[in-house]
Amino acid sequence: MASQNHNNYRLFGILGLALTLPMILIGGPLAGFILGHAAVKYLSGPKILITIGMILGLAGSGIQSVRIIQKIKEFSSKEDRRQS
């Protein structure tokens, strides 16, 4: 019974990590857009800063997504080793 509860907690952890991926992929470019727009509006910068901010946000989101996917694979491989 305790093993089943531990297994459920591990699955919920994997599910929680997987559900953060869409939020990270949306949040990065959105934050880059907001910061770029603020730089253009308040600092009188060139409009290319919005695009640069979005690209940097997307790159940061991609890096973080890869790290989360690696963590999910690590959790699932530990679970597979326990079951065999």
C-alpha atoms as a PDB file:
ATOM      1  CA  MET A   1       0.000   0.000   0.000  1.00  0.00           C
ATOM      2  CA  ALA A   2       2.804   2.428   0.848  1.00  0.00           C
ATOM      3  CA  SER A   3       4.473   1.608  -2.462  1.00  0.00           C
ATOM      4  CA  GLN A   4       1.270   2.492  -4.321  1.00  0.00           C
ATOM      5  CA  ASN A   5       1.037   5.874  -2.539  1.00  0.00           C
ATOM      6  CA  HIS A   6       4.688   6.609  -3.340  1.00  0.00           C
ATOM      7  CA  ASN A   7       4.035   5.710  -6.978  1.00  0.00           C
ATOM      8  CA  ASN A   8       1.002   8.025  -7.092  1.00  0.00           C
ATOM      9  CA  TYR A   9       3.015  10.924  -5.654  1.00  0.00           C
ATOM     10  CA  ARG A  10       5.711  10.385  -8.269  1.00  0.00           C
ATOM     11  CA  LEU A  11       3.110  10.367 -11.060  1.00  0.00           C
ATOM     12  CA  PHE A  12       1.562  13.579  -9.754  1.00  0.00           C
ATOM     13  CA  GLY A  13       5.022  15.144  -9.705  1.00  0.00           C
ATOM     14  CA  ILE A  14       5.591  14.177 -13.336  1.00  0.00           C
ATOM     15  CA  LEU A  15       2.141  15.478 -14.253  1.00  0.00           C
ATOM     16  CA  GLY A  16       2.816  18.772 -12.492  1.00  0.00           C
ATOM     17  CA  LEU A  17       6.077  19.241 -14.356  1.00  0.00           C
ATOM     18  CA  ALA A  18       4.443  18.389 -17.676  1.00  0.00           C
ATOM     19  CA  LEU A  19       1.632  20.881 -17.105  1.00  0.00           C
ATOM     20  CA  THR A  20       4.095  23.724 -16.549  1.00  0.00           C
ATOM     21  CA  LEU A  21       5.524  23.383 -20.074  1.00  0.00           C
ATOM     22  CA  PRO A  22       2.753  25.292 -21.907  1.00  0.00           C
ATOM     23  CA  MET A  23       2.849  28.081 -19.333  1.00  0.00           C
ATOM     24  CA  ILE A  24       6.606  28.449 -19.693  1.00  0.00           C
ATOM     25  CA  LEU A  25       6.411  28.443 -23.491  1.00  0.00           C
ATOM     26  CA  ILE A  26       3.782  31.197 -23.397  1.00  0.00           C
ATOM     27  CA  GLY A  27       5.283  33.182 -20.528  1.00  0.00           C
ATOM     28  CA  GLY A  28       8.778  33.640 -21.947  1.00  0.00           C
ATOM     29  CA  PRO A  29       7.868  35.404 -25.188  1.00  0.00           C
ATOM     30  CA  LEU A  30       5.096  37.314 -23.411  1.00  0.00           C
ATOM     31  CA  ALA A  31       7.543  38.641 -20.816  1.00  0.00           C
ATOM     32  CA  GLY A  32       9.969  39.521 -23.611  1.00  0.00           C
ATOM     33  CA  PHE A  33       7.222  41.402 -25.443  1.00  0.00           C
ATOM     34  CA  ILE A  34       6.224  43.333 -22.321  1.00  0.00           C
ATOM     35  CA  LEU A  35       9.818  44.262 -21.488  1.00  0.00           C
ATOM     36  CA  GLY A  36      10.543  45.187 -25.112  1.00  0.00           C
ATOM     37  CA  HIS A  37       7.398  47.272 -25.340  1.00  0.00           C
ATOM     38  CA  ALA A  38       8.279  49.051 -22.088  1.00  0.00           C
ATOM     39  CA  ALA A  39      11.784  49.769 -23.421  1.00  0.00           C
ATOM     40  CA  VAL A  40      10.309  51.265 -26.582  1.00  0.00           C
ATOM     41  CA  LYS A  41       7.640  53.269 -24.804  1.00  0.00           C
ATOM     42  CA  TYR A  42       9.498  54.575 -21.753  1.00  0.00           C
ATOM     43  CA  LEU A  43      13.112  54.599 -22.913  1.00  0.00           C
ATOM     44  CA  SER A  44      12.370  55.684 -26.498  1.00  0.00           C
ATOM     45  CA  GLY A  45      14.238  52.703 -27.889  1.00  0.00           C
ATOM     46  CA  PRO A  46      13.916  51.306 -31.401  1.00  0.00           C
ATOM     47  CA  LYS A  47      10.955  49.049 -32.134  1.00  0.00           C
ATOM     48  CA  ILE A  48      13.271  46.147 -32.861  1.00  0.00           C
ATOM     49  CA  LEU A  49      13.630  45.759 -29.084  1.00  0.00           C
ATOM     50  CA  ILE A  50      10.172  44.184 -28.972  1.00  0.00           C
ATOM     51  CA  THR A  51      11.229  41.498 -31.443  1.00  0.00           C
ATOM     52  CA  ILE A  52      14.546  40.967 -29.686  1.00  0.00           C
ATOM     53  CA  GLY A  53      12.747  40.621 -26.350  1.00  0.00           C
ATOM     54  CA  MET A  54      10.354  38.061 -27.769  1.00  0.00           C
ATOM     55  CA  ILE A  55      13.178  36.040 -29.327  1.00  0.00           C
ATOM     56  CA  LEU A  56      15.150  36.085 -26.082  1.00  0.00           C
ATOM     57  CA  GLY A  57      12.029  35.066 -24.168  1.00  0.00           C
ATOM     58  CA  LEU A  58      11.415  32.198 -26.570  1.00  0.00           C
ATOM     59  CA  ALA A  59      15.025  31.056 -26.260  1.00  0.00           C
ATOM     60  CA  GLY A  60      14.811  31.152 -22.474  1.00  0.00           C
ATOM     61  CA  SER A  61      11.537  29.240 -22.573  1.00  0.00           C
ATOM     62  CA  GLY A  62      13.069  26.631 -24.846  1.00  0.00           C
ATOM     63  CA  ILE A  63      16.036  26.129 -22.534  1.00  0.00           C
ATOM     64  CA  GLN A  64      13.797  25.790 -19.494  1.00  0.00           C
ATOM     65  CA  SER A  65      11.479  23.404 -21.356  1.00  0.00           C
ATOM     66  CA  VAL A  66      14.401  21.148 -22.255  1.00  0.00           C
ATOM     67  CA  ARG A  67      15.456  21.081 -18.591  1.00  0.00           C
ATOM     68  CA  ILE A  68      11.941  20.163 -17.493  1.00  0.00           C
ATOM     69  CA  ILE A  69      11.683  17.422 -20.120  1.00  0.00           C
ATOM     70  CA  GLN A  70      15.011  15.995 -18.919  1.00  0.00           C
ATOM     71  CA  LYS A  71      13.698  16.030 -15.342  1.00  0.00           C
ATOM     72  CA  ILE A  72      10.518  14.235 -16.447  1.00  0.00           C
ATOM     73  CA  LYS A  73      12.586  11.595 -18.242  1.00  0.00           C
ATOM     74  CA  GLU A  74      14.744  11.198 -15.126  1.00  0.00           C
ATOM     75  CA  PHE A  75      11.679  10.682 -12.910  1.00  0.00           C
ATOM     76  CA  SER A  76      10.094   8.214 -15.301  1.00  0.00           C
ATOM     77  CA  SER A  77      13.305   6.203 -15.716  1.00  0.00           C
ATOM     78  CA  LYS A  78      13.655   5.934 -11.923  1.00  0.00           C
ATOM     79  CA  GLU A  79      10.079   4.678 -11.794  1.00  0.00           C
ATOM     80  CA  ASP A  80      10.719   2.127 -14.553  1.00  0.00           C
ATOM     81  CA  ARG A  81      13.776   0.786 -12.700  1.00  0.00           C
ATOM     82  CA  ARG A  82      11.753   0.364  -9.514  1.00  0.00           C
ATOM     83  CA  GLN A  83       9.014  -1.609 -11.252  1.00  0.00           C
ATOM     84  CA  SER A  84      11.407  -4.104 -12.848  1.00  0.00           C
END
